[in-house]
Amino acid sequence: MSDLNDPRVFFAAERTLLAWNRTSLTLMAFGFVVERFGLYLHILASHTPQPFQRGVSFWVGMGFIVLGSTMAVLSVIQYRRVLRTFKPVEIPEGYWTNMVAITTLILAALGIALSAYLFNGLK
């Protein structure tokens, strides 16, 4: 990837993965808020108990959660591709390069679990 033989290049790639991690988490959180806001409006609007029907806010919120989870997985794939281009001298000796990738994949799994819970929880 570079002829710098400098570990800072590796750390820049790791920071980029962390930035995608934060972006994914933000999208999932925003999706959760949008989804729950539709439920909140339903509760406020109905004076008599009615079965909850999934509206636009549910599907938009679920879309954001799934998009965040997908972005997390794709960012790990991109990070691993970049790591394959590094020379051994560009990665500090003894540094565990998979910690951020594993954390991001756990975030993606939690996003998928959240979307499954929201999808099945309101039947």
PDB file of N, CA and C in Angstrom:
ATOM      1  N   MET A   1       0.822  -1.184   0.000  1.00  0.00           N
ATOM      2  CA  MET A   1       0.000   0.000   0.000  1.00  0.00           C
ATOM      3  C   MET A   1       0.868   1.251   0.000  1.00  0.00           C
ATOM      4  N   SER A   2       1.878   1.286   0.847  1.00  0.00           N
ATOM      5  CA  SER A   2       2.747   2.450   0.901  1.00  0.00           C
ATOM      6  C   SER A   2       4.191   2.000   1.027  1.00  0.00           C
ATOM      7  N   ASP A   3       5.078   2.898   0.711  1.00  0.00           N
ATOM      8  CA  ASP A   3       6.504   2.621   0.863  1.00  0.00           C
ATOM      9  C   ASP A   3       7.063   3.337   2.084  1.00  0.00           C
ATOM     10  N   LEU A   4       6.188   3.739   2.969  1.00  0.00           N
ATOM     11  CA  LEU A   4       6.629   4.498   4.133  1.00  0.00           C
ATOM     12  C   LEU A   4       7.222   3.612   5.216  1.00  0.00           C
ATOM     13  N   ASN A   5       6.819   2.356   5.265  1.00  0.00           N
ATOM     14  CA  ASN A   5       7.235   1.446   6.336  1.00  0.00           C
ATOM     15  C   ASN A   5       6.990   2.090   7.699  1.00  0.00           C
ATOM     16  N   ASP A   6       5.834   2.684   7.826  1.00  0.00           N
ATOM     17  CA  ASP A   6       5.494   3.463   9.003  1.00  0.00           C
ATOM     18  C   ASP A   6       4.216   2.901   9.625  1.00  0.00           C
ATOM     19  N   PRO A   7       4.219   2.568  10.916  1.00  0.00           N
ATOM     20  CA  PRO A   7       3.005   2.028  11.548  1.00  0.00           C
ATOM     21  C   PRO A   7       1.844   3.019  11.581  1.00  0.00           C
ATOM     22  N   ARG A   8       2.115   4.303  11.363  1.00  0.00           N
ATOM     23  CA  ARG A   8       1.023   5.283  11.376  1.00  0.00           C
ATOM     24  C   ARG A   8       0.017   5.027  10.258  1.00  0.00           C
ATOM     25  N   VAL A   9       0.471   4.397   9.176  1.00  0.00           N
ATOM     26  CA  VAL A   9      -0.445   4.048   8.087  1.00  0.00           C
ATOM     27  C   VAL A   9      -1.462   3.021   8.573  1.00  0.00           C
ATOM     28  N   PHE A  10      -1.002   2.044   9.323  1.00  0.00           N
ATOM     29  CA  PHE A  10      -1.909   1.046   9.907  1.00  0.00           C
ATOM     30  C   PHE A  10      -2.899   1.704  10.858  1.00  0.00           C
ATOM     31  N   PHE A  11      -2.406   2.579  11.721  1.00  0.00           N
ATOM     32  CA  PHE A  11      -3.294   3.231  12.683  1.00  0.00           C
ATOM     33  C   PHE A  11      -4.312   4.136  11.989  1.00  0.00           C
ATOM     34  N   ALA A  12      -3.949   4.697  10.854  1.00  0.00           N
ATOM     35  CA  ALA A  12      -4.915   5.485  10.077  1.00  0.00           C
ATOM     36  C   ALA A  12      -6.035   4.586   9.559  1.00  0.00           C
ATOM     37  N   ALA A  13      -5.681   3.380   9.098  1.00  0.00           N
ATOM     38  CA  ALA A  13      -6.704   2.432   8.642  1.00  0.00           C
ATOM     39  C   ALA A  13      -7.609   2.018   9.797  1.00  0.00           C
ATOM     40  N   GLU A  14      -7.013   1.834  10.981  1.00  0.00           N
ATOM     41  CA  GLU A  14      -7.809   1.457  12.143  1.00  0.00           C
ATOM     42  C   GLU A  14      -8.740   2.597  12.564  1.00  0.00           C
ATOM     43  N   ARG A  15      -8.263   3.823  12.502  1.00  0.00           N
ATOM     44  CA  ARG A  15      -9.119   4.971  12.818  1.00  0.00           C
ATOM     45  C   ARG A  15     -10.272   5.088  11.832  1.00  0.00           C
ATOM     46  N   THR A  16     -10.009   4.758  10.575  1.00  0.00           N
ATOM     47  CA  THR A  16     -11.075   4.790   9.576  1.00  0.00           C
ATOM     48  C   THR A  16     -12.143   3.751   9.902  1.00  0.00           C
ATOM     49  N   LEU A  17     -11.723   2.561  10.313  1.00  0.00           N
ATOM     50  CA  LEU A  17     -12.696   1.538  10.713  1.00  0.00           C
ATOM     51  C   LEU A  17     -13.497   2.010  11.921  1.00  0.00           C
ATOM     52  N   LEU A  18     -12.832   2.642  12.867  1.00  0.00           N
ATOM     53  CA  LEU A  18     -13.553   3.164  14.038  1.00  0.00           C
ATOM     54  C   LEU A  18     -14.549   4.252  13.649  1.00  0.00           C
ATOM     55  N   ALA A  19     -14.198   5.058  12.659  1.00  0.00           N
ATOM     56  CA  ALA A  19     -15.138   6.081  12.180  1.00  0.00           C
ATOM     57  C   ALA A  19     -16.371   5.428  11.555  1.00  0.00           C
ATOM     58  N   TRP A  20     -16.168   4.357  10.788  1.00  0.00           N
ATOM     59  CA  TRP A  20     -17.307   3.623  10.225  1.00  0.00           C
ATOM     60  C   TRP A  20     -18.117   2.956  11.335  1.00  0.00           C
ATOM     61  N   ASN A  21     -17.426   2.496  12.379  1.00  0.00           N
ATOM     62  CA  ASN A  21     -18.102   1.902  13.525  1.00  0.00           C
ATOM     63  C   ASN A  21     -19.040   2.921  14.162  1.00  0.00           C
ATOM     64  N   ARG A  22     -18.544   4.132  14.388  1.00  0.00           N
ATOM     65  CA  ARG A  22     -19.386   5.185  14.978  1.00  0.00           C
ATOM     66  C   ARG A  22     -20.546   5.549  14.063  1.00  0.00           C
ATOM     67  N   THR A  23     -20.285   5.593  12.765  1.00  0.00           N
ATOM     68  CA  THR A  23     -21.351   5.916  11.816  1.00  0.00           C
ATOM     69  C   THR A  23     -22.429   4.836  11.840  1.00  0.00           C
ATOM     70  N   SER A  24     -22.022   3.585  11.877  1.00  0.00           N
ATOM     71  CA  SER A  24     -22.983   2.475  11.937  1.00  0.00           C
ATOM     72  C   SER A  24     -23.818   2.540  13.204  1.00  0.00           C
ATOM     73  N   LEU A  25     -23.157   2.788  14.316  1.00  0.00           N
ATOM     74  CA  LEU A  25     -23.870   2.884  15.590  1.00  0.00           C
ATOM     75  C   LEU A  25     -24.855   4.046  15.580  1.00  0.00           C
ATOM     76  N   THR A  26     -24.460   5.159  15.002  1.00  0.00           N
ATOM     77  CA  THR A  26     -25.348   6.315  14.919  1.00  0.00           C
ATOM     78  C   THR A  26     -26.568   6.015  14.065  1.00  0.00           C
ATOM     79  N   LEU A  27     -26.366   5.355  12.935  1.00  0.00           N
ATOM     80  CA  LEU A  27     -27.508   4.996  12.086  1.00  0.00           C
ATOM     81  C   LEU A  27     -28.465   4.055  12.805  1.00  0.00           C
ATOM     82  N   MET A  28     -27.918   3.095  13.541  1.00  0.00           N
ATOM     83  CA  MET A  28     -28.782   2.162  14.280  1.00  0.00           C
ATOM     84  C   MET A  28     -29.548   2.884  15.387  1.00  0.00           C
ATOM     85  N   ALA A  29     -28.884   3.773  16.085  1.00  0.00           N
ATOM     86  CA  ALA A  29     -29.554   4.523  17.155  1.00  0.00           C
ATOM     87  C   ALA A  29     -30.641   5.418  16.580  1.00  0.00           C
ATOM     88  N   PHE A  30     -30.346   6.082  15.472  1.00  0.00           N
ATOM     89  CA  PHE A  30     -31.352   6.931  14.832  1.00  0.00           C
ATOM     90  C   PHE A  30     -32.536   6.094  14.363  1.00  0.00           C
ATOM     91  N   GLY A  31     -32.266   4.921  13.797  1.00  0.00           N
ATOM     92  CA  GLY A  31     -33.346   4.038  13.369  1.00  0.00           C
ATOM     93  C   GLY A  31     -34.226   3.601  14.524  1.00  0.00           C
ATOM     94  N   PHE A  32     -33.599   3.317  15.666  1.00  0.00           N
ATOM     95  CA  PHE A  32     -34.372   2.929  16.845  1.00  0.00           C
ATOM     96  C   PHE A  32     -35.268   4.085  17.299  1.00  0.00           C
ATOM     97  N   VAL A  33     -34.728   5.284  17.308  1.00  0.00           N
ATOM     98  CA  VAL A  33     -35.511   6.449  17.723  1.00  0.00           C
ATOM     99  C   VAL A  33     -36.682   6.683  16.768  1.00  0.00           C
ATOM    100  N   VAL A  34     -36.446   6.589  15.467  1.00  0.00           N
ATOM    101  CA  VAL A  34     -37.521   6.775  14.488  1.00  0.00           C
ATOM    102  C   VAL A  34     -38.592   5.707  14.672  1.00  0.00           C
ATOM    103  N   GLU A  35     -38.173   4.468  14.864  1.00  0.00           N
ATOM    104  CA  GLU A  35     -39.139   3.378  15.030  1.00  0.00           C
ATOM    105  C   GLU A  35     -39.977   3.566  16.285  1.00  0.00           C
ATOM    106  N   ARG A  36     -39.345   3.928  17.381  1.00  0.00           N
ATOM    107  CA  ARG A  36     -40.073   4.113  18.638  1.00  0.00           C
ATOM    108  C   ARG A  36     -40.916   5.382  18.628  1.00  0.00           C
ATOM    109  N   PHE A  37     -40.518   6.382  17.859  1.00  0.00           N
ATOM    110  CA  PHE A  37     -41.310   7.601  17.781  1.00  0.00           C
ATOM    111  C   PHE A  37     -42.670   7.316  17.143  1.00  0.00           C
ATOM    112  N   GLY A  38     -42.709   6.434  16.154  1.00  0.00           N
ATOM    113  CA  GLY A  38     -43.991   6.042  15.561  1.00  0.00           C
ATOM    114  C   GLY A  38     -44.890   5.363  16.580  1.00  0.00           C
ATOM    115  N   LEU A  39     -44.325   4.531  17.430  1.00  0.00           N
ATOM    116  CA  LEU A  39     -45.096   3.889  18.492  1.00  0.00           C
ATOM    117  C   LEU A  39     -45.605   4.928  19.483  1.00  0.00           C
ATOM    118  N   TYR A  40     -44.764   5.887  19.821  1.00  0.00           N
ATOM    119  CA  TYR A  40     -45.144   6.971  20.737  1.00  0.00           C
ATOM    120  C   TYR A  40     -46.308   7.786  20.158  1.00  0.00           C
ATOM    121  N   LEU A  41     -46.239   8.106  18.886  1.00  0.00           N
ATOM    122  CA  LEU A  41     -47.334   8.855  18.252  1.00  0.00           C
ATOM    123  C   LEU A  41     -48.622   8.040  18.229  1.00  0.00           C
ATOM    124  N   HIS A  42     -48.506   6.744  18.034  1.00  0.00           N
ATOM    125  CA  HIS A  42     -49.682   5.869  18.038  1.00  0.00           C
ATOM    126  C   HIS A  42     -50.344   5.877  19.417  1.00  0.00           C
ATOM    127  N   ILE A  43     -49.539   5.834  20.458  1.00  0.00           N
ATOM    128  CA  ILE A  43     -50.076   5.843  21.819  1.00  0.00           C
ATOM    129  C   ILE A  43     -50.751   7.170  22.119  1.00  0.00           C
ATOM    130  N   LEU A  44     -50.150   8.262  21.686  1.00  0.00           N
ATOM    131  CA  LEU A  44     -50.740   9.578  21.927  1.00  0.00           C
ATOM    132  C   LEU A  44     -52.031   9.790  21.143  1.00  0.00           C
ATOM    133  N   ALA A  45     -52.095   9.285  19.931  1.00  0.00           N
ATOM    134  CA  ALA A  45     -53.229   9.551  19.051  1.00  0.00           C
ATOM    135  C   ALA A  45     -54.456   8.726  19.395  1.00  0.00           C
ATOM    136  N   SER A  46     -54.280   7.554  19.941  1.00  0.00           N
ATOM    137  CA  SER A  46     -55.441   6.694  20.167  1.00  0.00           C
ATOM    138  C   SER A  46     -55.992   6.900  21.577  1.00  0.00           C
ATOM    139  N   HIS A  47     -57.285   7.146  21.617  1.00  0.00           N
ATOM    140  CA  HIS A  47     -57.967   7.292  22.905  1.00  0.00           C
ATOM    141  C   HIS A  47     -58.495   5.951  23.396  1.00  0.00           C
ATOM    142  N   THR A  48     -58.722   5.060  22.477  1.00  0.00           N
ATOM    143  CA  THR A  48     -59.155   3.715  22.840  1.00  0.00           C
ATOM    144  C   THR A  48     -58.066   2.735  22.411  1.00  0.00           C
ATOM    145  N   PRO A  49     -57.885   1.665  23.152  1.00  0.00           N
ATOM    146  CA  PRO A  49     -56.851   0.695  22.776  1.00  0.00           C
ATOM    147  C   PRO A  49     -57.113   0.095  21.396  1.00  0.00           C
ATOM    148  N   GLN A  50     -56.146   0.167  20.555  1.00  0.00           N
ATOM    149  CA  GLN A  50     -56.234  -0.397  19.209  1.00  0.00           C
ATOM    150  C   GLN A  50     -54.970  -1.213  18.951  1.00  0.00           C
ATOM    151  N   PRO A  51     -55.091  -2.220  18.121  1.00  0.00           N
ATOM    152  CA  PRO A  51     -53.870  -2.965  17.790  1.00  0.00           C
ATOM    153  C   PRO A  51     -52.911  -2.067  16.999  1.00  0.00           C
ATOM    154  N   PHE A  52     -51.651  -2.194  17.306  1.00  0.00           N
ATOM    155  CA  PHE A  52     -50.638  -1.376  16.642  1.00  0.00           C
ATOM    156  C   PHE A  52     -50.367  -1.914  15.256  1.00  0.00           C
ATOM    157  N   GLN A  53     -50.405  -1.023  14.275  1.00  0.00           N
ATOM    158  CA  GLN A  53     -50.076  -1.402  12.903  1.00  0.00           C
ATOM    159  C   GLN A  53     -48.761  -0.741  12.523  1.00  0.00           C
ATOM    160  N   ARG A  54     -47.933  -1.479  11.842  1.00  0.00           N
ATOM    161  CA  ARG A  54     -46.634  -0.958  11.450  1.00  0.00           C
ATOM    162  C   ARG A  54     -46.812   0.075  10.352  1.00  0.00           C
ATOM    163  N   GLY A  55     -46.351   1.264  10.636  1.00  0.00           N
ATOM    164  CA  GLY A  55     -46.468   2.350   9.673  1.00  0.00           C
ATOM    165  C   GLY A  55     -45.131   2.677   9.036  1.00  0.00           C
ATOM    166  N   VAL A  56     -45.089   3.849   8.453  1.00  0.00           N
ATOM    167  CA  VAL A  56     -43.895   4.294   7.743  1.00  0.00           C
ATOM    168  C   VAL A  56     -42.716   4.431   8.694  1.00  0.00           C
ATOM    169  N   SER A  57     -42.952   4.949   9.897  1.00  0.00           N
ATOM    170  CA  SER A  57     -41.835   5.146  10.826  1.00  0.00           C
ATOM    171  C   SER A  57     -41.190   3.817  11.219  1.00  0.00           C
ATOM    172  N   PHE A  58     -41.985   2.767  11.307  1.00  0.00           N
ATOM    173  CA  PHE A  58     -41.427   1.449  11.625  1.00  0.00           C
ATOM    174  C   PHE A  58     -40.463   1.010  10.529  1.00  0.00           C
ATOM    175  N   TRP A  59     -40.901   1.099   9.286  1.00  0.00           N
ATOM    176  CA  TRP A  59     -40.079   0.608   8.177  1.00  0.00           C
ATOM    177  C   TRP A  59     -38.867   1.506   7.932  1.00  0.00           C
ATOM    178  N   VAL A  60     -39.032   2.804   8.108  1.00  0.00           N
ATOM    179  CA  VAL A  60     -37.877   3.701   7.958  1.00  0.00           C
ATOM    180  C   VAL A  60     -36.868   3.427   9.074  1.00  0.00           C
ATOM    181  N   GLY A  61     -37.347   3.274  10.294  1.00  0.00           N
ATOM    182  CA  GLY A  61     -36.462   2.960  11.411  1.00  0.00           C
ATOM    183  C   GLY A  61     -35.747   1.639  11.222  1.00  0.00           C
ATOM    184  N   MET A  62     -36.475   0.628  10.785  1.00  0.00           N
ATOM    185  CA  MET A  62     -35.847  -0.671  10.518  1.00  0.00           C
ATOM    186  C   MET A  62     -34.819  -0.555   9.400  1.00  0.00           C
ATOM    187  N   GLY A  63     -35.109   0.265   8.408  1.00  0.00           N
ATOM    188  CA  GLY A  63     -34.160   0.475   7.320  1.00  0.00           C
ATOM    189  C   GLY A  63     -32.853   1.068   7.821  1.00  0.00           C
ATOM    190  N   PHE A  64     -32.945   2.045   8.722  1.00  0.00           N
ATOM    191  CA  PHE A  64     -31.734   2.640   9.289  1.00  0.00           C
ATOM    192  C   PHE A  64     -30.947   1.619  10.117  1.00  0.00           C
ATOM    193  N   ILE A  65     -31.637   0.809  10.875  1.00  0.00           N
ATOM    194  CA  ILE A  65     -30.945  -0.198  11.693  1.00  0.00           C
ATOM    195  C   ILE A  65     -30.247  -1.220  10.805  1.00  0.00           C
ATOM    196  N   VAL A  66     -30.932  -1.702   9.793  1.00  0.00           N
ATOM    197  CA  VAL A  66     -30.333  -2.681   8.875  1.00  0.00           C
ATOM    198  C   VAL A  66     -29.188  -2.037   8.088  1.00  0.00           C
ATOM    199  N   LEU A  67     -29.354  -0.786   7.675  1.00  0.00           N
ATOM    200  CA  LEU A  67     -28.280  -0.088   6.969  1.00  0.00           C
ATOM    201  C   LEU A  67     -27.042   0.048   7.856  1.00  0.00           C
ATOM    202  N   GLY A  68     -27.243   0.402   9.125  1.00  0.00           N
ATOM    203  CA  GLY A  68     -26.119   0.503  10.052  1.00  0.00           C
ATOM    204  C   GLY A  68     -25.413  -0.827  10.242  1.00  0.00           C
ATOM    205  N   SER A  69     -26.168  -1.902  10.374  1.00  0.00           N
ATOM    206  CA  SER A  69     -25.566  -3.230  10.532  1.00  0.00           C
ATOM    207  C   SER A  69     -24.796  -3.640   9.277  1.00  0.00           C
ATOM    208  N   THR A  70     -25.373  -3.367   8.129  1.00  0.00           N
ATOM    209  CA  THR A  70     -24.710  -3.699   6.872  1.00  0.00           C
ATOM    210  C   THR A  70     -23.420  -2.905   6.702  1.00  0.00           C
ATOM    211  N   MET A  71     -23.468  -1.621   7.043  1.00  0.00           N
ATOM    212  CA  MET A  71     -22.265  -0.793   6.951  1.00  0.00           C
ATOM    213  C   MET A  71     -21.163  -1.294   7.870  1.00  0.00           C
ATOM    214  N   ALA A  72     -21.540  -1.784   9.040  1.00  0.00           N
ATOM    215  CA  ALA A  72     -20.540  -2.306   9.970  1.00  0.00           C
ATOM    216  C   ALA A  72     -19.830  -3.523   9.373  1.00  0.00           C
ATOM    217  N   VAL A  73     -20.585  -4.431   8.789  1.00  0.00           N
ATOM    218  CA  VAL A  73     -19.990  -5.621   8.189  1.00  0.00           C
ATOM    219  C   VAL A  73     -19.111  -5.248   6.990  1.00  0.00           C
ATOM    220  N   LEU A  74     -19.610  -4.365   6.138  1.00  0.00           N
ATOM    221  CA  LEU A  74     -18.835  -3.963   4.966  1.00  0.00           C
ATOM    222  C   LEU A  74     -17.563  -3.212   5.344  1.00  0.00           C
ATOM    223  N   SER A  75     -17.618  -2.440   6.418  1.00  0.00           N
ATOM    224  CA  SER A  75     -16.417  -1.715   6.838  1.00  0.00           C
ATOM    225  C   SER A  75     -15.339  -2.686   7.338  1.00  0.00           C
ATOM    226  N   VAL A  76     -15.743  -3.769   7.994  1.00  0.00           N
ATOM    227  CA  VAL A  76     -14.769  -4.776   8.422  1.00  0.00           C
ATOM    228  C   VAL A  76     -14.150  -5.472   7.205  1.00  0.00           C
ATOM    229  N   ILE A  77     -14.961  -5.758   6.203  1.00  0.00           N
ATOM    230  CA  ILE A  77     -14.432  -6.381   4.984  1.00  0.00           C
ATOM    231  C   ILE A  77     -13.415  -5.450   4.332  1.00  0.00           C
ATOM    232  N   GLN A  78     -13.740  -4.166   4.252  1.00  0.00           N
ATOM    233  CA  GLN A  78     -12.815  -3.201   3.664  1.00  0.00           C
ATOM    234  C   GLN A  78     -11.529  -3.101   4.481  1.00  0.00           C
ATOM    235  N   TYR A  79     -11.648  -3.073   5.784  1.00  0.00           N
ATOM    236  CA  TYR A  79     -10.484  -2.996   6.670  1.00  0.00           C
ATOM    237  C   TYR A  79      -9.573  -4.203   6.481  1.00  0.00           C
ATOM    238  N   ARG A  80     -10.164  -5.391   6.408  1.00  0.00           N
ATOM    239  CA  ARG A  80      -9.359  -6.607   6.226  1.00  0.00           C
ATOM    240  C   ARG A  80      -8.652  -6.596   4.869  1.00  0.00           C
ATOM    241  N   ARG A  81      -9.297  -6.054   3.844  1.00  0.00           N
ATOM    242  CA  ARG A  81      -8.650  -5.943   2.530  1.00  0.00           C
ATOM    243  C   ARG A  81      -7.445  -5.010   2.597  1.00  0.00           C
ATOM    244  N   VAL A  82      -7.600  -3.915   3.311  1.00  0.00           N
ATOM    245  CA  VAL A  82      -6.494  -2.966   3.446  1.00  0.00           C
ATOM    246  C   VAL A  82      -5.359  -3.596   4.244  1.00  0.00           C
ATOM    247  N   LEU A  83      -5.676  -4.331   5.297  1.00  0.00           N
ATOM    248  CA  LEU A  83      -4.630  -4.974   6.094  1.00  0.00           C
ATOM    249  C   LEU A  83      -3.784  -5.941   5.275  1.00  0.00           C
ATOM    250  N   ARG A  84      -4.408  -6.601   4.319  1.00  0.00           N
ATOM    251  CA  ARG A  84      -3.648  -7.553   3.487  1.00  0.00           C
ATOM    252  C   ARG A  84      -2.585  -6.861   2.638  1.00  0.00           C
ATOM    253  N   THR A  85      -2.736  -5.562   2.405  1.00  0.00           N
ATOM    254  CA  THR A  85      -1.766  -4.840   1.573  1.00  0.00           C
ATOM    255  C   THR A  85      -0.576  -4.325   2.370  1.00  0.00           C
ATOM    256  N   PHE A  86      -0.638  -4.403   3.701  1.00  0.00           N
ATOM    257  CA  PHE A  86       0.453  -3.872   4.530  1.00  0.00           C
ATOM    258  C   PHE A  86       1.628  -4.833   4.588  1.00  0.00           C
ATOM    259  N   LYS A  87       2.786  -4.247   4.729  1.00  0.00           N
ATOM    260  CA  LYS A  87       3.995  -5.018   4.990  1.00  0.00           C
ATOM    261  C   LYS A  87       4.076  -5.269   6.490  1.00  0.00           C
ATOM    262  N   PRO A  88       4.742  -6.318   6.911  1.00  0.00           N
ATOM    263  CA  PRO A  88       4.837  -6.597   8.354  1.00  0.00           C
ATOM    264  C   PRO A  88       5.453  -5.446   9.158  1.00  0.00           C
ATOM    265  N   VAL A  89       6.331  -4.672   8.559  1.00  0.00           N
ATOM    266  CA  VAL A  89       6.967  -3.580   9.288  1.00  0.00           C
ATOM    267  C   VAL A  89       5.975  -2.441   9.571  1.00  0.00           C
ATOM    268  N   GLU A  90       4.874  -2.387   8.834  1.00  0.00           N
ATOM    269  CA  GLU A  90       3.888  -1.327   9.021  1.00  0.00           C
ATOM    270  C   GLU A  90       2.915  -1.614  10.165  1.00  0.00           C
ATOM    271  N   ILE A  91       2.936  -2.827  10.686  1.00  0.00           N
ATOM    272  CA  ILE A  91       2.076  -3.192  11.806  1.00  0.00           C
ATOM    273  C   ILE A  91       2.972  -3.405  13.020  1.00  0.00           C
ATOM    274  N   PRO A  92       2.699  -2.702  14.118  1.00  0.00           N
ATOM    275  CA  PRO A  92       3.550  -2.855  15.302  1.00  0.00           C
ATOM    276  C   PRO A  92       3.579  -4.309  15.784  1.00  0.00           C
ATOM    277  N   GLU A  93       4.743  -4.748  16.190  1.00  0.00           N
ATOM    278  CA  GLU A  93       4.923  -6.124  16.638  1.00  0.00           C
ATOM    279  C   GLU A  93       4.085  -6.386  17.888  1.00  0.00           C
ATOM    280  N   GLY A  94       3.353  -7.476  17.868  1.00  0.00           N
ATOM    281  CA  GLY A  94       2.541  -7.864  19.011  1.00  0.00           C
ATOM    282  C   GLY A  94       1.192  -7.167  19.091  1.00  0.00           C
ATOM    283  N   TYR A  95       0.889  -6.298  18.149  1.00  0.00           N
ATOM    284  CA  TYR A  95      -0.385  -5.572  18.173  1.00  0.00           C
ATOM    285  C   TYR A  95      -1.472  -6.461  17.599  1.00  0.00           C
ATOM    286  N   TRP A  96      -2.576  -6.547  18.318  1.00  0.00           N
ATOM    287  CA  TRP A  96      -3.681  -7.392  17.876  1.00  0.00           C
ATOM    288  C   TRP A  96      -4.553  -6.603  16.908  1.00  0.00           C
ATOM    289  N   THR A  97      -4.442  -6.908  15.644  1.00  0.00           N
ATOM    290  CA  THR A  97      -5.128  -6.128  14.601  1.00  0.00           C
ATOM    291  C   THR A  97      -6.617  -6.432  14.492  1.00  0.00           C
ATOM    292  N   ASN A  98      -7.068  -7.506  15.116  1.00  0.00           N
ATOM    293  CA  ASN A  98      -8.467  -7.910  14.957  1.00  0.00           C
ATOM    294  C   ASN A  98      -9.405  -7.354  16.011  1.00  0.00           C
ATOM    295  N   MET A  99      -8.897  -6.668  17.010  1.00  0.00           N
ATOM    296  CA  MET A  99      -9.761  -6.215  18.108  1.00  0.00           C
ATOM    297  C   MET A  99     -10.861  -5.269  17.613  1.00  0.00           C
ATOM    298  N   VAL A 100     -10.506  -4.298  16.798  1.00  0.00           N
ATOM    299  CA  VAL A 100     -11.494  -3.345  16.291  1.00  0.00           C
ATOM    300  C   VAL A 100     -12.462  -4.037  15.341  1.00  0.00           C
ATOM    301  N   ALA A 101     -11.962  -4.956  14.529  1.00  0.00           N
ATOM    302  CA  ALA A 101     -12.831  -5.674  13.597  1.00  0.00           C
ATOM    303  C   ALA A 101     -13.847  -6.530  14.352  1.00  0.00           C
ATOM    304  N   ILE A 102     -13.403  -7.195  15.404  1.00  0.00           N
ATOM    305  CA  ILE A 102     -14.320  -8.025  16.196  1.00  0.00           C
ATOM    306  C   ILE A 102     -15.368  -7.159  16.887  1.00  0.00           C
ATOM    307  N   THR A 103     -14.943  -6.030  17.416  1.00  0.00           N
ATOM    308  CA  THR A 103     -15.888  -5.110  18.058  1.00  0.00           C
ATOM    309  C   THR A 103     -16.937  -4.626  17.063  1.00  0.00           C
ATOM    310  N   THR A 104     -16.516  -4.314  15.855  1.00  0.00           N
ATOM    311  CA  THR A 104     -17.448  -3.844  14.836  1.00  0.00           C
ATOM    312  C   THR A 104     -18.405  -4.951  14.416  1.00  0.00           C
ATOM    313  N   LEU A 105     -17.926  -6.177  14.329  1.00  0.00           N
ATOM    314  CA  LEU A 105     -18.816  -7.294  13.981  1.00  0.00           C
ATOM    315  C   LEU A 105     -19.815  -7.571  15.102  1.00  0.00           C
ATOM    316  N   ILE A 106     -19.394  -7.400  16.351  1.00  0.00           N
ATOM    317  CA  ILE A 106     -20.331  -7.546  17.476  1.00  0.00           C
ATOM    318  C   ILE A 106     -21.406  -6.472  17.386  1.00  0.00           C
ATOM    319  N   LEU A 107     -21.000  -5.252  17.039  1.00  0.00           N
ATOM    320  CA  LEU A 107     -21.970  -4.166  16.848  1.00  0.00           C
ATOM    321  C   LEU A 107     -22.975  -4.536  15.761  1.00  0.00           C
ATOM    322  N   ALA A 108     -22.496  -5.101  14.660  1.00  0.00           N
ATOM    323  CA  ALA A 108     -23.399  -5.516  13.584  1.00  0.00           C
ATOM    324  C   ALA A 108     -24.361  -6.601  14.056  1.00  0.00           C
ATOM    325  N   ALA A 109     -23.858  -7.557  14.826  1.00  0.00           N
ATOM    326  CA  ALA A 109     -24.718  -8.628  15.343  1.00  0.00           C
ATOM    327  C   ALA A 109     -25.776  -8.075  16.287  1.00  0.00           C
ATOM    328  N   LEU A 110     -25.388  -7.116  17.111  1.00  0.00           N
ATOM    329  CA  LEU A 110     -26.369  -6.497  18.010  1.00  0.00           C
ATOM    330  C   LEU A 110     -27.420  -5.707  17.234  1.00  0.00           C
ATOM    331  N   GLY A 111     -27.013  -5.075  16.145  1.00  0.00           N
ATOM    332  CA  GLY A 111     -27.978  -4.373  15.300  1.00  0.00           C
ATOM    333  C   GLY A 111     -28.964  -5.330  14.657  1.00  0.00           C
ATOM    334  N   ILE A 112     -28.471  -6.470  14.212  1.00  0.00           N
ATOM    335  CA  ILE A 112     -29.359  -7.473  13.629  1.00  0.00           C
ATOM    336  C   ILE A 112     -30.306  -8.021  14.696  1.00  0.00           C
ATOM    337  N   ALA A 113     -29.783  -8.252  15.906  1.00  0.00           N
ATOM    338  CA  ALA A 113     -30.633  -8.727  17.003  1.00  0.00           C
ATOM    339  C   ALA A 113     -31.693  -7.690  17.356  1.00  0.00           C
ATOM    340  N   LEU A 114     -31.322  -6.418  17.365  1.00  0.00           N
ATOM    341  CA  LEU A 114     -32.286  -5.355  17.654  1.00  0.00           C
ATOM    342  C   LEU A 114     -33.375  -5.316  16.599  1.00  0.00           C
ATOM    343  N   SER A 115     -33.003  -5.420  15.336  1.00  0.00           N
ATOM    344  CA  SER A 115     -34.019  -5.390  14.290  1.00  0.00           C
ATOM    345  C   SER A 115     -34.933  -6.613  14.368  1.00  0.00           C
ATOM    346  N   ALA A 116     -34.382  -7.775  14.708  1.00  0.00           N
ATOM    347  CA  ALA A 116     -35.216  -8.972  14.864  1.00  0.00           C
ATOM    348  C   ALA A 116     -36.178  -8.812  16.038  1.00  0.00           C
ATOM    349  N   TYR A 117     -35.681  -8.236  17.132  1.00  0.00           N
ATOM    350  CA  TYR A 117     -36.540  -8.002  18.299  1.00  0.00           C
ATOM    351  C   TYR A 117     -37.674  -7.041  17.959  1.00  0.00           C
ATOM    352  N   LEU A 118     -37.341  -5.940  17.298  1.00  0.00           N
ATOM    353  CA  LEU A 118     -38.370  -4.959  16.953  1.00  0.00           C
ATOM    354  C   LEU A 118     -39.361  -5.532  15.955  1.00  0.00           C
ATOM    355  N   PHE A 119     -38.878  -6.337  15.022  1.00  0.00           N
ATOM    356  CA  PHE A 119     -39.763  -6.898  14.009  1.00  0.00           C
ATOM    357  C   PHE A 119     -40.715  -7.928  14.616  1.00  0.00           C
ATOM    358  N   ASN A 120     -40.228  -8.740  15.540  1.00  0.00           N
ATOM    359  CA  ASN A 120     -41.057  -9.788  16.128  1.00  0.00           C
ATOM    360  C   ASN A 120     -41.806  -9.338  17.365  1.00  0.00           C
ATOM    361  N   GLY A 121     -41.384  -8.234  17.975  1.00  0.00           N
ATOM    362  CA  GLY A 121     -41.965  -7.810  19.237  1.00  0.00           C
ATOM    363  C   GLY A 121     -43.300  -7.123  19.134  1.00  0.00           C
ATOM    364  N   LEU A 122     -43.713  -6.693  17.943  1.00  0.00           N
ATOM    365  CA  LEU A 122     -44.944  -5.923  17.814  1.00  0.00           C
ATOM    366  C   LEU A 122     -46.013  -6.630  17.005  1.00  0.00           C
ATOM    367  N   LYS A 123     -46.065  -7.923  17.090  1.00  0.00           N
ATOM    368  CA  LYS A 123     -47.064  -8.658  16.303  1.00  0.00           C
ATOM    369  C   LYS A 123     -48.422  -8.584  16.951  1.00  0.00           C
TER     370      LYS A 123
END
